Amino acid sequence: MQTSVVVFTCDLRLSDHPPLRAALHGGGRVVPLFVRDPAVDGAGFAAPNRLAFLADCLRDLDARLRERGGRLVLREGDTVAQVCRVAAEADADEVHMAGDVSAFACARERRLRRALEADGRRLYVHDTVSTAVAPGAVTPAASDHFAVFTPYYRRWSGQGLRDVLEAPRSLTVPQEVASAPLPERGGVNGVSPGLCAGGETEGRRRFTAWLRSGVDAYEERHDDLAGDATSRLSPCLHFGTLSPVEVVRRARGAGGAGAEAFVRQVAWRDFNRQVLAARPDAAVRDYRTHGDRWRDGKEAEADAEAWREGRTGYPLVDAAMRQLRHEGWIHNRGRLLAASFLTKTLYLDWRVGARHFLELLVDGDVANNQLNWQWMAGTGTDTRPNRVLNPVAQGRRYDPDGAYVRRWVPELAGVEGAAVHEPWRLPARERSRTGYPEPVVSLAEGLDRFRRARGRSRGPAGDHR
């Protein structure tokens, strides 16, 4: 009887899982394997929030496998060495896994292929496990990838998606293959107190509820900070407890402008992955450099620390940063604003912000985190690299009554109306009572500094929104 190994990475589910379906084709035995690799931790994965969410995902995956007569095999160590060892123990002929785009994942795949071939085994890598459309499946005429989202989205939207695969009803796992104990969320220190639960069961429940009660209003309400009207499915997509193909198909099946606006956000994930697949160094270097000489030194570090702590003196920025620390997640509008403030108003290196986000975000991954930071810093794929988001104007527009700010910045809970976005205008005695800090820099000074640093005496003022 043929035996196959399925290596789970960022695809911690049973539903719509092409590697698992391929391994089970013909009715053979299968070893569902997850390797806890210290090198992955060293590459930036081992943030407490992601480790806690991962523990939920692995325990849920194991439970779903046991319902079908199987189990999850967990090993610790170098992925290549452990996969080869498990394949030998199970006398497996082939190994299946999902494709990925980071430089680390691509190097791991090359090493694994060579090692397995040396042992007389084959590696099969499956696309469209972590994306709806595979990186490189659509390209412009004169390049290996799209550098602008809108034309990419037009081509992406016209691509036919593969069929959604059902979860297997049963599977047989060789008993001779041992497993390390599964991790527990409670064993992880430093987890954000408001971190959401992980696992395919929870992800599918959340997605179904979203389709029933949230997606119709998504186009109108997705920027409503206080309304919290986004799907909050990004951790599920990052860990692969939901399939992007299934998400897009089911959302389109719901129909309406809200569903299509939501699908467009899923396309952004694929867009970033096809950029990173073509330009792996964009994870650490400017995609389009402007020769920025980012501020450094003690004053710059003090500003960066105020930003990390949510003590910049700009309520909407601080609310976003405090939400990040409490939940390990931020509303998308808050992410954009926090990134704009760090890179454009404080003129600090986008890598400082990207690093901090990766330390806390449960959905933090190299493609989306790094490239979205570059987009906002103006060093990435944004066609308007000098746009600056004004935190006061953004507050008036997306948090008009200040409910989001008051939720996360309790010092300002007693400030009424839109004045919550400009506490420096309060009478001195009232301002002092709040205990809220003064702004670290005036918006006018920050904007002027940014324009001068980018070598412009006058920038697109209309972008300072």
Protein backbone atom coordinates (compact mmCIF):
# COMPACT_ATOMS: atom_id res chain seq x y z
CA MET A 1 0.00 0.00 0.00
CA GLN A 2 1.38 3.42 -0.95
CA THR A 3 2.19 5.83 1.87
CA SER A 4 2.52 9.60 1.50
CA VAL A 5 3.57 12.39 3.84
CA VAL A 6 1.64 15.68 3.85
CA VAL A 7 3.67 18.54 5.32
CA PHE A 8 1.40 21.18 6.80
CA THR A 9 2.86 24.70 6.92
CA CYS A 10 0.54 27.67 6.41
CA ASP A 11 -2.44 25.48 5.51
CA LEU A 12 -3.74 24.16 8.83
CA ARG A 13 -7.07 22.78 7.66
CA LEU A 14 -8.71 19.71 6.15
CA SER A 15 -11.26 21.41 3.90
CA ASP A 16 -10.05 22.39 0.43
CA HIS A 17 -6.55 21.03 0.94
CA PRO A 18 -5.00 19.97 -2.40
CA PRO A 19 -1.85 18.35 -0.93
CA LEU A 20 -3.93 16.14 1.37
CA ARG A 21 -6.38 15.25 -1.39
CA ALA A 22 -3.50 14.30 -3.73
CA ALA A 23 -1.85 12.19 -1.04
CA LEU A 24 -5.09 10.31 -0.41
CA HIS A 25 -5.71 9.66 -4.09
CA GLY A 26 -5.78 5.91 -4.56
CA GLY A 27 -6.65 5.14 -0.97
CA GLY A 28 -3.18 4.79 0.52
CA ARG A 29 -1.92 5.65 3.99
CA VAL A 30 -0.95 9.22 4.83
CA VAL A 31 1.16 10.91 7.52
CA PRO A 32 -0.18 14.43 8.30
CA LEU A 33 3.00 16.12 9.55
CA PHE A 34 3.77 19.49 11.11
CA VAL A 35 7.37 20.36 11.95
CA ARG A 36 8.13 22.95 14.60
CA ASP A 37 11.38 24.27 13.12
CA PRO A 38 13.65 26.58 15.20
CA ALA A 39 14.80 28.16 11.94
CA VAL A 40 11.23 29.34 11.29
CA ASP A 41 11.19 30.93 14.72
CA GLY A 42 14.52 32.55 13.96
CA ALA A 43 13.07 33.94 10.72
CA GLY A 44 10.60 35.99 12.75
CA PHE A 45 7.64 33.67 13.29
CA ALA A 46 7.99 33.07 17.01
CA ALA A 47 5.90 35.99 18.25
CA PRO A 48 3.82 34.97 21.29
CA ASN A 49 0.50 35.80 19.62
CA ARG A 50 1.26 33.66 16.58
CA LEU A 51 2.58 30.81 18.71
CA ALA A 52 -0.60 30.84 20.81
CA PHE A 53 -2.82 30.94 17.73
CA LEU A 54 -0.73 28.16 16.18
CA ALA A 55 -1.26 26.00 19.27
CA ASP A 56 -5.04 26.40 18.82
CA CYS A 57 -4.74 25.51 15.13
CA LEU A 58 -2.65 22.39 15.68
CA ARG A 59 -4.92 21.04 18.41
CA ASP A 60 -8.00 21.67 16.28
CA LEU A 61 -6.35 20.04 13.25
CA ASP A 62 -5.47 17.00 15.32
CA ALA A 63 -9.02 16.77 16.66
CA ARG A 64 -10.50 16.96 13.15
CA LEU A 65 -8.09 14.28 11.93
CA ARG A 66 -9.00 12.01 14.85
CA GLU A 67 -12.70 12.34 13.96
CA ARG A 68 -11.71 10.71 10.67
CA GLY A 69 -9.56 7.96 12.13
CA GLY A 70 -6.25 9.79 11.82
CA ARG A 71 -4.04 12.06 13.90
CA LEU A 72 -1.50 14.83 13.47
CA VAL A 73 2.19 13.96 13.76
CA LEU A 74 4.26 16.74 15.30
CA ARG A 75 8.04 16.80 15.10
CA GLU A 76 10.58 19.37 16.24
CA GLY A 77 13.83 20.27 14.48
CA ASP A 78 15.04 21.09 10.99
CA THR A 79 12.13 20.68 8.57
CA VAL A 80 14.15 18.92 5.88
CA ALA A 81 15.72 16.46 8.30
CA GLN A 82 12.42 15.72 10.05
CA VAL A 83 10.42 15.24 6.83
CA CYS A 84 13.05 12.84 5.49
CA ARG A 85 13.09 10.96 8.80
CA VAL A 86 9.31 10.60 8.91
CA ALA A 87 9.21 9.54 5.26
CA ALA A 88 11.78 6.83 6.03
CA GLU A 89 9.92 5.64 9.13
CA ALA A 90 6.66 5.36 7.20
CA ASP A 91 8.36 4.01 4.05
CA ALA A 92 6.63 6.82 2.16
CA ASP A 93 7.06 7.12 -1.61
CA GLU A 94 6.14 10.79 -1.89
CA VAL A 95 5.76 14.02 0.05
CA HIS A 96 3.14 16.72 -0.60
CA MET A 97 3.17 20.32 0.60
CA ALA A 98 1.84 23.78 -0.25
CA GLY A 99 3.92 26.28 -2.19
CA ASP A 100 5.03 29.50 -0.52
CA VAL A 101 6.80 32.66 -1.69
CA SER A 102 9.15 33.88 1.02
CA ALA A 103 12.87 33.49 0.49
CA PHE A 104 13.00 31.20 3.53
CA ALA A 105 10.21 28.96 2.22
CA CYS A 106 11.68 28.76 -1.28
CA ALA A 107 15.12 27.80 0.07
CA ARG A 108 13.49 25.18 2.32
CA GLU A 109 11.64 23.70 -0.64
CA ARG A 110 14.83 23.42 -2.70
CA ARG A 111 16.69 21.70 0.15
CA LEU A 112 13.82 19.32 0.77
CA ARG A 113 13.51 18.36 -2.89
CA ARG A 114 17.21 17.54 -3.12
CA ALA A 115 17.18 15.52 0.10
CA LEU A 116 14.11 13.50 -0.87
CA GLU A 117 15.40 12.80 -4.37
CA ALA A 118 18.65 11.54 -2.83
CA ASP A 119 16.51 9.05 -0.88
CA GLY A 120 14.53 8.02 -3.97
CA ARG A 121 11.39 9.92 -2.99
CA ARG A 122 9.44 12.66 -4.77
CA LEU A 123 8.26 16.04 -3.58
CA TYR A 124 5.02 17.51 -4.95
CA VAL A 125 4.40 21.21 -4.34
CA HIS A 126 0.83 22.46 -4.80
CA ASP A 127 -0.16 26.00 -5.80
CA THR A 128 -3.39 27.79 -4.80
CA VAL A 129 -3.30 26.43 -1.28
CA SER A 130 -2.40 29.75 0.35
CA THR A 131 -3.61 31.95 -2.53
CA ALA A 132 -6.69 32.04 -4.73
CA VAL A 133 -4.55 32.63 -7.85
CA ALA A 134 -1.01 31.27 -7.83
CA PRO A 135 1.90 33.74 -7.91
CA GLY A 136 3.04 34.08 -11.52
CA ALA A 137 -0.23 32.76 -12.95
CA VAL A 138 -1.00 36.21 -14.33
CA THR A 139 1.77 38.51 -15.55
CA PRO A 140 1.97 41.66 -17.69
CA ALA A 141 3.50 41.47 -21.15
CA ALA A 142 6.87 42.99 -20.28
CA SER A 143 7.49 41.81 -16.72
CA ASP A 144 7.46 38.79 -14.44
CA HIS A 145 4.94 40.39 -12.07
CA PHE A 146 2.43 43.21 -11.74
CA ALA A 147 3.74 46.27 -9.91
CA VAL A 148 0.37 48.07 -9.80
CA PHE A 149 -2.68 46.55 -8.14
CA THR A 150 -5.54 47.73 -10.39
CA PRO A 151 -4.39 46.04 -13.63
CA TYR A 152 -3.44 42.99 -11.59
CA TYR A 153 -6.92 42.87 -10.08
CA ARG A 154 -8.55 43.03 -13.52
CA ARG A 155 -6.55 40.01 -14.69
CA TRP A 156 -6.93 38.24 -11.33
CA SER A 157 -10.72 38.64 -11.46
CA GLY A 158 -10.85 36.96 -14.85
CA GLN A 159 -9.01 33.86 -13.70
CA GLY A 160 -11.01 30.70 -13.24
CA LEU A 161 -10.66 29.23 -9.77
CA ARG A 162 -10.23 25.54 -9.15
CA ASP A 163 -13.04 23.59 -7.50
CA VAL A 164 -13.26 23.58 -3.71
CA LEU A 165 -12.26 20.19 -2.31
CA GLU A 166 -14.19 18.53 0.49
CA ALA A 167 -12.46 17.43 3.65
CA PRO A 168 -11.64 13.71 3.61
CA ARG A 169 -14.13 11.45 5.36
CA SER A 170 -11.48 9.05 6.64
CA LEU A 171 -7.75 8.42 6.51
CA THR A 172 -5.25 5.92 7.83
CA VAL A 173 -2.06 7.03 9.57
CA PRO A 174 0.76 4.52 10.13
CA GLN A 175 0.89 3.68 13.83
CA GLU A 176 4.67 3.28 13.83
CA VAL A 177 5.25 7.01 13.28
CA ALA A 178 5.54 8.71 16.66
CA SER A 179 4.62 12.31 17.49
CA ALA A 180 5.82 14.92 19.93
CA PRO A 181 3.16 16.38 22.28
CA LEU A 182 0.98 19.12 20.83
CA PRO A 183 1.57 22.64 22.20
CA GLU A 184 -1.00 24.45 24.33
CA ARG A 185 -1.93 28.11 24.22
CA GLY A 186 -1.49 28.33 27.98
CA GLY A 187 2.17 27.43 27.61
CA VAL A 188 2.96 30.63 25.69
CA ASN A 189 3.99 33.73 27.64
CA GLY A 190 3.37 37.33 26.58
CA VAL A 191 0.14 36.71 24.65
CA SER A 192 -2.13 39.69 24.03
CA PRO A 193 -5.10 39.45 26.41
CA GLY A 194 -7.64 39.97 23.63
CA LEU A 195 -6.16 37.49 21.15
CA CYS A 196 -8.81 35.61 19.18
CA ALA A 197 -9.11 31.81 19.08
CA GLY A 198 -7.51 29.82 16.27
CA GLY A 199 -8.30 26.65 14.37
CA GLU A 200 -10.29 25.57 11.32
CA THR A 201 -13.46 24.96 13.34
CA GLU A 202 -13.45 28.52 14.67
CA GLY A 203 -12.42 29.98 11.32
CA ARG A 204 -15.26 28.30 9.45
CA ARG A 205 -17.74 29.38 12.09
CA ARG A 206 -16.52 32.96 11.87
CA PHE A 207 -16.60 33.00 8.06
CA THR A 208 -20.12 31.60 7.89
CA ALA A 209 -21.35 34.20 10.39
CA TRP A 210 -19.63 36.95 8.38
CA LEU A 211 -21.36 35.86 5.15
CA ARG A 212 -24.71 35.90 6.92
CA SER A 213 -24.48 39.22 8.70
CA GLY A 214 -21.44 41.25 7.67
CA VAL A 215 -20.47 41.03 4.04
CA ASP A 216 -23.47 42.90 2.59
CA ALA A 217 -22.45 46.11 4.36
CA TYR A 218 -18.72 45.67 3.84
CA GLU A 219 -18.30 48.20 1.03
CA GLU A 220 -20.03 50.93 3.04
CA ARG A 221 -18.67 50.13 6.49
CA HIS A 222 -15.20 48.59 6.13
CA ASP A 223 -13.50 51.86 7.16
CA ASP A 224 -15.77 52.42 10.16
CA LEU A 225 -13.25 52.10 12.98
CA ALA A 226 -15.70 52.01 15.87
CA GLY A 227 -18.16 49.82 13.98
CA ASP A 228 -15.55 47.06 13.66
CA ALA A 229 -17.26 45.95 10.45
CA THR A 230 -14.41 44.06 8.79
CA SER A 231 -14.35 40.28 8.60
CA ARG A 232 -11.41 39.74 11.00
CA LEU A 233 -10.52 36.70 8.91
CA SER A 234 -6.90 37.70 8.24
CA PRO A 235 -5.48 35.36 10.96
CA CYS A 236 -7.47 32.48 9.46
CA LEU A 237 -6.10 33.19 5.99
CA HIS A 238 -2.57 33.65 7.30
CA PHE A 239 -2.52 30.28 9.07
CA GLY A 240 -4.56 28.65 6.33
CA THR A 241 -7.43 27.54 8.53
CA LEU A 242 -9.55 28.98 5.73
CA SER A 243 -8.87 28.44 2.03
CA PRO A 244 -8.61 31.61 -0.09
CA VAL A 245 -10.20 29.74 -2.99
CA GLU A 246 -13.19 28.76 -0.87
CA VAL A 247 -13.42 32.24 0.65
CA VAL A 248 -13.56 33.88 -2.77
CA ARG A 249 -16.02 31.38 -4.20
CA ARG A 250 -18.40 31.60 -1.25
CA ALA A 251 -18.18 35.40 -1.07
CA ARG A 252 -18.95 35.70 -4.77
CA GLY A 253 -21.82 33.30 -4.24
CA ALA A 254 -23.26 35.73 -1.71
CA GLY A 255 -23.26 38.42 -4.41
CA GLY A 256 -23.53 42.18 -4.07
CA ALA A 257 -21.15 45.12 -3.90
CA GLY A 258 -20.07 44.25 -0.37
CA ALA A 259 -18.97 40.78 -1.37
CA GLU A 260 -16.97 42.05 -4.33
CA ALA A 261 -15.30 44.73 -2.19
CA PHE A 262 -14.33 41.97 0.23
CA VAL A 263 -13.00 39.76 -2.58
CA ARG A 264 -10.87 42.69 -3.71
CA GLN A 265 -9.11 42.61 -0.34
CA VAL A 266 -8.37 38.91 -0.80
CA ALA A 267 -6.86 39.83 -4.16
CA TRP A 268 -4.51 42.23 -2.37
CA ARG A 269 -3.06 39.23 -0.50
CA ASP A 270 -2.38 37.46 -3.79
CA PHE A 271 -0.96 40.66 -5.28
CA ASN A 272 1.58 41.01 -2.48
CA ARG A 273 2.59 37.38 -2.81
CA GLN A 274 3.23 37.65 -6.53
CA VAL A 275 5.37 40.75 -5.88
CA LEU A 276 7.40 38.97 -3.20
CA ALA A 277 7.75 35.84 -5.33
CA ALA A 278 9.34 37.97 -8.05
CA ARG A 279 11.30 40.26 -5.71
CA PRO A 280 12.23 38.32 -2.56
CA ASP A 281 14.51 41.12 -1.37
CA ALA A 282 11.48 43.42 -1.03
CA ALA A 283 11.05 41.87 2.41
CA VAL A 284 14.05 43.87 3.61
CA ARG A 285 14.86 46.44 0.88
CA ASP A 286 12.93 49.23 -0.80
CA TYR A 287 10.97 48.01 -3.79
CA ARG A 288 11.26 51.51 -5.27
CA THR A 289 13.84 53.57 -3.46
CA HIS A 290 13.65 57.34 -2.99
CA GLY A 291 17.04 57.52 -1.36
CA ASP A 292 15.44 58.11 2.04
CA ARG A 293 17.79 58.99 4.86
CA TRP A 294 15.49 58.00 7.67
CA ARG A 295 15.90 59.72 11.03
CA ASP A 296 17.94 57.91 13.66
CA GLY A 297 19.57 58.71 16.99
CA LYS A 298 18.11 59.25 20.47
CA GLU A 299 15.32 61.62 19.48
CA ALA A 300 14.20 59.34 16.68
CA GLU A 301 14.21 56.33 18.98
CA ALA A 302 12.20 58.24 21.59
CA ASP A 303 9.61 59.02 18.90
CA ALA A 304 9.56 55.38 17.81
CA GLU A 305 9.00 54.24 21.38
CA ALA A 306 6.15 56.72 21.85
CA TRP A 307 4.60 55.28 18.68
CA ARG A 308 4.99 51.69 19.89
CA GLU A 309 3.42 52.52 23.25
CA GLY A 310 0.51 54.51 21.80
CA ARG A 311 1.73 57.76 23.39
CA THR A 312 2.29 60.01 20.35
CA GLY A 313 -0.30 62.58 21.38
CA TYR A 314 -2.44 61.80 18.33
CA PRO A 315 -5.46 59.87 19.61
CA LEU A 316 -6.31 57.86 16.49
CA VAL A 317 -2.71 56.69 16.03
CA ASP A 318 -2.46 55.80 19.72
CA ALA A 319 -5.78 53.96 19.66
CA ALA A 320 -4.58 51.78 16.80
CA MET A 321 -1.30 50.97 18.53
CA ARG A 322 -3.05 50.10 21.78
CA GLN A 323 -5.51 47.86 19.95
CA LEU A 324 -2.50 46.08 18.43
CA ARG A 325 -0.99 45.43 21.83
CA HIS A 326 -4.27 44.25 23.37
CA GLU A 327 -5.62 42.10 20.53
CA GLY A 328 -2.64 41.27 18.34
CA TRP A 329 -4.68 42.74 15.51
CA ILE A 330 -5.57 46.19 14.17
CA HIS A 331 -8.39 47.48 12.02
CA ASN A 332 -7.07 47.99 8.48
CA ARG A 333 -7.68 51.75 8.54
CA GLY A 334 -5.73 51.92 11.80
CA ARG A 335 -2.83 50.03 10.19
CA LEU A 336 -2.65 52.50 7.33
CA LEU A 337 -2.76 55.48 9.66
CA ALA A 338 -0.15 54.10 12.08
CA ALA A 339 2.18 53.30 9.19
CA SER A 340 1.72 56.71 7.58
CA PHE A 341 2.41 58.47 10.88
CA LEU A 342 5.63 56.55 11.55
CA THR A 343 7.08 56.84 8.06
CA LYS A 344 5.75 60.18 6.84
CA THR A 345 5.09 62.31 9.95
CA LEU A 346 7.93 60.98 12.11
CA TYR A 347 10.05 60.08 9.07
CA LEU A 348 11.27 56.81 10.56
CA ASP A 349 12.33 53.75 8.61
CA TRP A 350 9.41 51.53 7.57
CA ARG A 351 11.41 48.51 8.77
CA VAL A 352 11.12 49.83 12.36
CA GLY A 353 7.35 49.67 12.07
CA ALA A 354 7.26 46.41 10.15
CA ARG A 355 9.41 44.75 12.81
CA HIS A 356 7.12 45.93 15.62
CA PHE A 357 4.01 44.76 13.80
CA LEU A 358 5.55 41.33 13.27
CA GLU A 359 6.27 41.11 16.99
CA LEU A 360 2.56 41.47 17.79
CA LEU A 361 0.30 40.77 14.81
CA VAL A 362 -1.32 37.36 14.84
CA ASP A 363 -1.77 37.68 11.06
CA GLY A 364 1.73 39.05 10.47
CA ASP A 365 3.46 37.50 7.47
CA VAL A 366 6.35 38.60 5.31
CA ALA A 367 4.41 39.32 2.11
CA ASN A 368 1.51 41.33 3.50
CA ASN A 369 3.27 43.00 6.38
CA GLN A 370 6.43 44.12 4.60
CA LEU A 371 4.81 45.11 1.33
CA ASN A 372 1.92 46.95 2.94
CA TRP A 373 4.42 48.86 5.04
CA GLN A 374 6.36 49.73 1.90
CA TRP A 375 3.13 50.78 0.19
CA MET A 376 2.41 53.26 2.97
CA ALA A 377 6.03 54.42 3.22
CA GLY A 378 6.02 55.24 -0.47
CA THR A 379 8.87 52.84 -1.21
CA GLY A 380 6.64 50.04 -2.52
CA THR A 381 3.99 49.68 -5.20
CA ASP A 382 1.91 52.76 -4.36
CA THR A 383 1.62 54.99 -7.42
CA ARG A 384 1.31 58.05 -5.14
CA PRO A 385 4.36 57.58 -2.92
CA ASN A 386 4.08 60.94 -1.16
CA ARG A 387 0.57 60.62 0.23
CA VAL A 388 0.35 61.44 3.95
CA LEU A 389 -2.63 60.50 6.11
CA ASN A 390 -3.60 63.26 8.54
CA PRO A 391 -4.68 61.61 11.83
CA VAL A 392 -7.08 64.44 12.70
CA ALA A 393 -8.78 64.42 9.31
CA GLN A 394 -8.87 60.62 9.34
CA GLY A 395 -10.48 60.69 12.77
CA ARG A 396 -13.19 63.07 11.69
CA ARG A 397 -13.92 60.91 8.68
CA TYR A 398 -13.68 57.36 10.05
CA ASP A 399 -14.34 57.86 13.78
CA PRO A 400 -16.56 60.96 13.73
CA ASP A 401 -17.91 60.70 17.28
CA GLY A 402 -14.63 59.41 18.74
CA ALA A 403 -15.99 56.04 19.89
CA TYR A 404 -12.94 54.11 18.64
CA VAL A 405 -10.55 56.50 20.35
CA ARG A 406 -12.43 56.38 23.65
CA ARG A 407 -12.45 52.59 23.54
CA TRP A 408 -8.67 52.35 23.34
CA VAL A 409 -7.50 55.63 24.90
CA PRO A 410 -9.41 55.77 28.19
CA GLU A 411 -7.64 58.98 29.25
CA LEU A 412 -9.90 60.73 26.73
CA ALA A 413 -13.12 58.99 27.71
CA GLY A 414 -14.55 62.21 29.13
CA VAL A 415 -13.83 64.34 26.08
CA GLU A 416 -17.00 64.88 24.10
CA GLY A 417 -17.56 64.84 20.35
CA ALA A 418 -14.96 65.25 17.63
CA ALA A 419 -12.76 67.26 20.02
CA VAL A 420 -11.38 63.90 21.12
CA HIS A 421 -9.22 63.94 17.99
CA GLU A 422 -7.59 67.26 18.96
CA PRO A 423 -7.09 67.14 22.74
CA TRP A 424 -4.38 69.82 22.57
CA ARG A 425 -7.16 72.32 21.91
CA LEU A 426 -8.75 71.62 25.31
CA PRO A 427 -8.33 74.22 28.07
CA ALA A 428 -5.00 73.68 29.84
CA ARG A 429 -6.59 72.51 33.11
CA GLU A 430 -8.84 69.98 31.39
CA ARG A 431 -5.98 68.75 29.22
CA SER A 432 -3.81 68.28 32.28
CA ARG A 433 -6.48 66.24 34.02
CA THR A 434 -6.61 63.70 31.20
CA GLY A 435 -2.95 62.77 31.63
CA TYR A 436 -2.74 62.39 27.86
CA PRO A 437 0.61 63.41 26.31
CA GLU A 438 1.27 66.40 24.08
CA PRO A 439 1.94 65.62 20.40
CA VAL A 440 5.49 64.43 19.74
CA VAL A 441 5.59 66.74 16.68
CA SER A 442 3.18 69.11 15.00
CA LEU A 443 1.59 67.81 11.81
CA ALA A 444 2.83 70.81 9.88
CA GLU A 445 6.41 70.26 11.04
CA GLY A 446 6.25 66.56 10.25
CA LEU A 447 4.86 67.19 6.77
CA ASP A 448 7.48 69.82 6.00
CA ARG A 449 10.27 67.54 7.22
CA PHE A 450 9.01 64.70 5.06
CA ARG A 451 8.78 66.84 1.94
CA ARG A 452 12.25 68.24 2.47
CA ALA A 453 13.66 64.76 3.10
CA ARG A 454 12.14 63.50 -0.14
CA GLY A 455 13.76 66.43 -1.92
CA ARG A 456 10.59 68.39 -2.59
CA SER A 457 9.89 71.97 -1.65
CA ARG A 458 6.24 71.33 -2.28
CA GLY A 459 4.46 68.00 -2.36
CA PRO A 460 0.97 66.91 -3.36
CA ALA A 461 -0.87 68.75 -0.61
CA GLY A 462 -4.10 67.05 -1.55
CA ASP A 463 -2.61 63.79 -0.29
CA HIS A 464 -2.40 65.13 3.27
CA ARG A 465 -5.81 63.85 4.17
